[in-house]
Amino acid sequence: MLLESQYDPHWVSPWKRSRAASPPLWTVLVPFFNERDFLDGTLASLAAQDMPFDLILIDNGSTDGSGAVAATICARLGLTFTLLVENRPGKVNALRAGVKRTRTHLVATCDADTLYPRDYLRQAGALLARNGAVAGGAYFVAPDADAAAHAGAAKRMARAALLLPGQCHTGGAGQVFRTEALRRAGQFDALRWGYVLEDHEIMHRMAKLGPLAYGGALWCAPSPRERDRDSIRWTLSERLLYHATPGPARDWFFYTYLARRLAARRLTSDRIRERQVQAAPDCAMAVSQAA
């Protein structure tokens, strides 16, 4: 792994961080592979956050110069950052590298093709404070979503979380964690889970340590792009079995049943480095259709 970093204790940002400022509460992890066309919007939305954070960018072996593009954008926006180059392919490896460098109490995993509202981290902190949650998630809407679309997405997520409180209801672009709990759970680890659907598997482990929280005020907006990840999604039968499997049996579901099936289809974590497309969470869609 190569490490590049840029740090300026006089960093000027929307929240005017200075040498005397207290350490931030949040670290934001942004893994990416060949995302130079989307990084500008994502980083601009993060630069506008209304509270301080540490930013760790993880270039997962890009071949299009995304790392240099990200560094240039951060310099223009006045964002202090650490840039890691993790050449072991796979989002799981990239996220693991980022968590190892995290020094804050809370950590958010963000995608390089997603836009975040100004109060994203503040709302995420409020969400995790609810009932001692160890992890939480945002709902997804289109960048141009109106109030009705937001209300509908929030309602679908709330319904799904109420019916299935110990499961994952959002993708990795909108997940937030207590860092200590994430590490106790084993964090992201390709030796434990080196397949796609790492966002569901990590929430399975987090749920063993405490409640998961999904709130109506936490949201993000994936950038519009072509859908081309159908080949690396799980099947309908696998999704239904996931929802039907009781908590005590979910180790079997992930590490015996699903891992064997994903391995047979060669759906390893590096497949996520294909063009990423955020779809509505499977559980939220199923609940919506059933309503």
Protein backbone atom coordinates (compact mmCIF):
# COMPACT_ATOMS: atom_id res chain seq x y z
CA MET A 1 0.00 0.00 0.00
CA LEU A 2 1.28 3.47 -0.85
CA LEU A 3 0.40 6.47 1.25
CA GLU A 4 0.17 10.04 0.13
CA SER A 5 -1.11 12.74 2.45
CA GLN A 6 -1.68 16.44 2.64
CA TYR A 7 -2.25 18.17 5.95
CA ASP A 8 -2.46 21.84 6.85
CA PRO A 9 -3.37 22.74 10.47
CA HIS A 10 -4.38 26.23 9.28
CA TRP A 11 -6.89 24.69 6.87
CA VAL A 12 -9.68 27.13 6.01
CA SER A 13 -13.04 25.49 5.40
CA PRO A 14 -16.73 26.35 5.86
CA TRP A 15 -16.26 25.65 9.57
CA LYS A 16 -12.92 27.57 9.90
CA ARG A 17 -10.87 24.82 11.45
CA SER A 18 -7.65 26.17 13.00
CA ARG A 19 -4.67 24.94 14.98
CA ALA A 20 -6.56 25.37 18.23
CA ALA A 21 -9.67 23.51 17.07
CA SER A 22 -10.66 20.36 18.94
CA PRO A 23 -10.30 17.05 17.10
CA PRO A 24 -13.22 16.30 14.78
CA LEU A 25 -15.82 13.73 15.69
CA TRP A 26 -16.04 12.23 12.20
CA THR A 27 -13.87 10.58 9.60
CA VAL A 28 -15.29 10.32 6.08
CA LEU A 29 -13.98 7.45 3.93
CA VAL A 30 -14.30 7.78 0.15
CA PRO A 31 -13.06 4.70 -1.73
CA PHE A 32 -12.96 4.98 -5.52
CA PHE A 33 -11.89 3.26 -8.71
CA ASN A 34 -11.91 5.24 -11.96
CA GLU A 35 -14.36 7.89 -10.74
CA ARG A 36 -12.72 11.07 -12.05
CA ASP A 37 -15.97 12.23 -13.67
CA PHE A 38 -17.90 12.12 -10.38
CA LEU A 39 -15.39 13.14 -7.71
CA ASP A 40 -15.91 16.88 -8.11
CA GLY A 41 -19.58 16.81 -7.09
CA THR A 42 -19.03 14.42 -4.20
CA LEU A 43 -16.07 16.33 -2.75
CA ALA A 44 -17.83 19.67 -3.16
CA SER A 45 -20.80 18.34 -1.17
CA LEU A 46 -18.46 17.11 1.55
CA ALA A 47 -16.57 20.42 1.64
CA ALA A 48 -19.89 22.14 2.40
CA GLN A 49 -20.56 20.08 5.56
CA ASP A 50 -21.54 22.19 8.54
CA MET A 51 -19.17 20.43 10.95
CA PRO A 52 -15.50 19.39 10.79
CA PHE A 53 -14.28 15.94 9.78
CA ASP A 54 -11.18 14.07 8.69
CA LEU A 55 -11.27 13.05 5.04
CA ILE A 56 -9.59 9.85 3.86
CA LEU A 57 -9.62 9.12 0.14
CA ILE A 58 -8.77 5.58 -0.93
CA ASP A 59 -7.75 5.06 -4.56
CA ASN A 60 -8.37 1.38 -5.26
CA GLY A 61 -5.88 1.14 -8.12
CA SER A 62 -7.52 3.59 -10.54
CA THR A 63 -6.17 3.69 -14.09
CA ASP A 64 -7.76 7.01 -15.08
CA GLY A 65 -5.83 9.34 -12.79
CA SER A 66 -8.65 9.60 -10.25
CA GLY A 67 -6.22 9.99 -7.36
CA ALA A 68 -4.55 13.04 -8.86
CA VAL A 69 -7.93 14.48 -9.82
CA ALA A 70 -9.20 14.03 -6.25
CA ALA A 71 -6.12 15.74 -4.82
CA THR A 72 -6.51 18.68 -7.19
CA ILE A 73 -10.18 19.08 -6.31
CA CYS A 74 -9.45 18.98 -2.58
CA ALA A 75 -6.79 21.66 -2.97
CA ARG A 76 -9.23 23.87 -4.86
CA LEU A 77 -11.94 23.35 -2.23
CA GLY A 78 -9.62 23.89 0.73
CA LEU A 79 -10.16 20.35 1.99
CA THR A 80 -7.42 18.74 4.05
CA PHE A 81 -7.21 15.08 3.15
CA THR A 82 -5.23 11.87 3.35
CA LEU A 83 -4.93 9.92 0.11
CA LEU A 84 -4.30 6.20 0.38
CA VAL A 85 -3.51 4.06 -2.63
CA GLU A 86 -4.76 0.53 -2.00
CA ASN A 87 -3.85 -1.63 -4.99
CA ARG A 88 -5.39 -4.82 -3.67
CA PRO A 89 -8.59 -4.84 -5.75
CA GLY A 90 -11.95 -4.70 -4.05
CA LYS A 91 -13.98 -2.19 -2.10
CA VAL A 92 -13.58 -4.30 1.06
CA ASN A 93 -9.79 -3.87 0.89
CA ALA A 94 -10.14 -0.14 0.24
CA LEU A 95 -12.49 0.37 3.18
CA ARG A 96 -10.26 -1.70 5.47
CA ALA A 97 -7.30 0.54 4.63
CA GLY A 98 -9.40 3.61 5.45
CA VAL A 99 -10.69 2.30 8.78
CA LYS A 100 -7.14 1.43 9.85
CA ARG A 101 -6.23 5.12 9.43
CA THR A 102 -9.34 6.41 11.22
CA ARG A 103 -8.71 8.23 14.51
CA THR A 104 -12.16 9.61 15.29
CA HIS A 105 -15.11 8.25 17.28
CA LEU A 106 -17.44 8.10 14.27
CA VAL A 107 -16.85 7.07 10.66
CA ALA A 108 -18.96 7.42 7.51
CA THR A 109 -18.47 5.41 4.33
CA CYS A 110 -19.28 7.53 1.30
CA ASP A 111 -19.20 6.78 -2.42
CA ALA A 112 -17.38 8.89 -4.97
CA ASP A 113 -20.49 9.22 -7.14
CA THR A 114 -22.87 10.43 -4.43
CA LEU A 115 -23.93 13.87 -3.21
CA TYR A 116 -24.40 14.66 0.49
CA PRO A 117 -26.49 17.46 2.02
CA ARG A 118 -24.78 20.10 4.12
CA ASP A 119 -26.02 18.62 7.41
CA TYR A 120 -25.26 14.98 6.53
CA LEU A 121 -22.71 14.37 9.29
CA ARG A 122 -24.67 16.33 11.87
CA GLN A 123 -27.80 14.29 11.14
CA ALA A 124 -25.75 11.10 11.17
CA GLY A 125 -24.44 11.94 14.63
CA ALA A 126 -27.96 12.53 15.90
CA LEU A 127 -29.04 9.22 14.40
CA LEU A 128 -26.28 7.26 16.12
CA ALA A 129 -27.06 8.96 19.43
CA ARG A 130 -30.53 7.44 19.28
CA ASN A 131 -30.83 4.43 21.62
CA GLY A 132 -27.08 3.86 21.59
CA ALA A 133 -27.02 2.74 17.96
CA VAL A 134 -23.74 1.25 16.76
CA ALA A 135 -24.43 1.88 13.07
CA GLY A 136 -26.99 3.55 10.87
CA GLY A 137 -27.94 4.38 7.33
CA ALA A 138 -29.33 7.03 5.02
CA TYR A 139 -32.13 6.73 2.52
CA PHE A 140 -31.38 7.37 -1.16
CA VAL A 141 -33.15 9.87 -3.39
CA ALA A 142 -32.46 11.41 -6.78
CA PRO A 143 -30.40 14.63 -6.75
CA ASP A 144 -33.45 16.61 -7.88
CA ALA A 145 -35.93 14.91 -5.53
CA ASP A 146 -38.74 17.09 -4.23
CA ALA A 147 -40.27 17.07 -0.75
CA ALA A 148 -42.76 14.35 -1.67
CA ALA A 149 -40.02 12.06 -2.96
CA HIS A 150 -38.03 12.59 0.23
CA ALA A 151 -41.06 11.85 2.39
CA GLY A 152 -41.83 8.68 0.46
CA ALA A 153 -38.25 7.37 0.64
CA ALA A 154 -38.01 8.12 4.35
CA LYS A 155 -41.33 6.38 4.99
CA ARG A 156 -40.27 3.27 3.07
CA MET A 157 -37.04 3.04 5.02
CA ALA A 158 -38.80 3.55 8.36
CA ARG A 159 -41.27 0.79 7.53
CA ALA A 160 -38.50 -1.60 6.50
CA ALA A 161 -36.46 -0.88 9.62
CA LEU A 162 -39.50 -1.42 11.84
CA LEU A 163 -40.30 -4.77 10.25
CA LEU A 164 -36.69 -5.98 10.03
CA PRO A 165 -34.69 -4.01 12.62
CA GLY A 166 -31.51 -6.10 12.51
CA GLN A 167 -30.94 -5.98 8.76
CA CYS A 168 -29.30 -3.66 6.26
CA HIS A 169 -31.63 -1.20 4.52
CA THR A 170 -29.17 1.02 2.68
CA GLY A 171 -26.00 0.77 0.62
CA GLY A 172 -22.44 1.55 1.59
CA ALA A 173 -22.74 5.08 0.18
CA GLY A 174 -24.97 5.95 3.13
CA GLN A 175 -23.66 3.95 6.09
CA VAL A 176 -22.27 5.40 9.34
CA PHE A 177 -20.62 3.65 12.29
CA ARG A 178 -19.24 4.03 15.76
CA THR A 179 -15.57 3.37 15.06
CA GLU A 180 -14.90 1.36 18.21
CA ALA A 181 -17.88 -0.90 17.53
CA LEU A 182 -16.87 -1.31 13.89
CA ARG A 183 -13.43 -2.48 14.98
CA ARG A 184 -14.91 -4.83 17.61
CA ALA A 185 -17.00 -6.36 14.84
CA GLY A 186 -13.83 -7.04 12.83
CA GLN A 187 -14.37 -4.11 10.45
CA PHE A 188 -14.12 -4.71 6.70
CA ASP A 189 -12.03 -7.81 6.05
CA ALA A 190 -11.67 -9.66 2.76
CA LEU A 191 -10.55 -12.79 4.63
CA ARG A 192 -13.87 -12.82 6.47
CA TRP A 193 -16.04 -11.50 3.62
CA GLY A 194 -14.43 -10.84 0.26
CA TYR A 195 -17.58 -10.77 -1.82
CA VAL A 196 -20.08 -8.22 -3.08
CA LEU A 197 -22.86 -7.16 -0.68
CA GLU A 198 -20.27 -6.10 1.88
CA ASP A 199 -22.72 -3.42 3.02
CA HIS A 200 -25.20 -6.09 4.12
CA GLU A 201 -22.60 -8.36 5.68
CA ILE A 202 -21.01 -5.60 7.78
CA MET A 203 -24.41 -4.55 9.12
CA HIS A 204 -25.07 -8.18 10.05
CA ARG A 205 -21.99 -8.12 12.28
CA MET A 206 -22.76 -4.67 13.66
CA ALA A 207 -26.26 -5.76 14.67
CA LYS A 208 -24.69 -8.28 17.06
CA LEU A 209 -23.21 -5.39 19.06
CA GLY A 210 -26.19 -3.08 19.32
CA PRO A 211 -29.13 -1.48 17.51
CA LEU A 212 -29.02 -0.18 13.95
CA ALA A 213 -30.65 3.17 13.29
CA TYR A 214 -32.35 4.45 10.13
CA GLY A 215 -33.74 7.95 10.29
CA GLY A 216 -35.87 10.18 8.12
CA ALA A 217 -33.46 13.14 8.34
CA LEU A 218 -30.41 11.30 6.97
CA TRP A 219 -30.24 11.02 3.19
CA CYS A 220 -27.90 11.21 0.22
CA ALA A 221 -28.29 11.43 -3.55
CA PRO A 222 -26.45 9.04 -5.86
CA SER A 223 -25.30 10.67 -9.09
CA PRO A 224 -27.26 9.65 -12.19
CA ARG A 225 -25.47 6.99 -14.19
CA GLU A 226 -26.26 3.97 -16.29
CA ARG A 227 -27.32 0.82 -14.51
CA ASP A 228 -24.78 -1.89 -15.29
CA ARG A 229 -24.40 -3.90 -12.11
CA ASP A 230 -27.29 -6.33 -12.48
CA SER A 231 -24.79 -9.17 -13.02
CA ILE A 232 -23.29 -8.71 -9.54
CA ARG A 233 -26.47 -8.48 -7.50
CA TRP A 234 -27.93 -11.25 -5.42
CA THR A 235 -30.90 -13.21 -6.70
CA LEU A 236 -34.50 -12.78 -5.65
CA SER A 237 -34.44 -16.09 -3.77
CA GLU A 238 -31.29 -15.04 -1.91
CA ARG A 239 -32.85 -11.70 -0.94
CA LEU A 240 -36.04 -13.33 0.26
CA LEU A 241 -34.13 -15.88 2.32
CA TYR A 242 -32.08 -13.06 3.86
CA HIS A 243 -35.25 -11.30 4.98
CA ALA A 244 -36.76 -14.54 6.28
CA THR A 245 -33.72 -15.84 8.16
CA PRO A 246 -33.95 -15.15 11.92
CA GLY A 247 -31.06 -13.37 13.59
CA PRO A 248 -29.46 -16.42 15.24
CA ALA A 249 -29.21 -18.15 11.86
CA ARG A 250 -27.74 -15.28 9.87
CA ASP A 251 -24.18 -16.46 10.35
CA TRP A 252 -25.22 -19.58 8.48
CA PHE A 253 -26.97 -17.49 5.84
CA PHE A 254 -23.94 -15.30 5.10
CA TYR A 255 -20.94 -17.54 5.69
CA THR A 256 -22.27 -20.90 4.54
CA TYR A 257 -25.20 -20.38 2.20
CA LEU A 258 -24.59 -16.99 0.53
CA ALA A 259 -20.77 -17.09 0.50
CA ARG A 260 -20.83 -20.44 -1.29
CA ARG A 261 -23.27 -19.17 -3.91
CA LEU A 262 -21.41 -15.88 -4.51
CA ALA A 263 -18.11 -17.75 -4.79
CA ALA A 264 -19.62 -20.05 -7.40
CA ARG A 265 -20.66 -16.98 -9.42
CA ARG A 266 -17.24 -15.35 -8.83
CA LEU A 267 -18.87 -12.33 -7.23
CA THR A 268 -15.86 -11.20 -5.27
CA SER A 269 -15.46 -7.69 -3.87
CA ASP A 270 -13.36 -6.52 -6.81
CA ARG A 271 -16.42 -6.86 -9.05
CA ILE A 272 -17.78 -3.73 -7.35
CA ARG A 273 -15.02 -1.84 -9.16
CA GLU A 274 -17.26 -2.09 -12.22
CA ARG A 275 -19.40 0.97 -12.88
CA GLN A 276 -21.22 1.53 -9.61
CA VAL A 277 -24.93 2.14 -9.60
CA GLN A 278 -26.95 2.78 -6.48
CA ALA A 279 -30.35 1.15 -6.53
CA ALA A 280 -33.10 1.42 -3.97
CA PRO A 281 -32.32 -0.93 -1.06
CA ASP A 282 -33.79 -4.33 -1.74
CA CYS A 283 -35.68 -4.54 1.53
CA ALA A 284 -37.20 -1.09 1.15
CA MET A 285 -38.33 -2.02 -2.36
CA ALA A 286 -39.87 -5.26 -1.16
CA VAL A 287 -41.72 -3.55 1.68
CA SER A 288 -42.94 -0.82 -0.70
CA GLN A 289 -44.27 -3.37 -3.17
CA ALA A 290 -45.98 -5.28 -0.40
CA ALA A 291 -47.63 -2.19 1.06
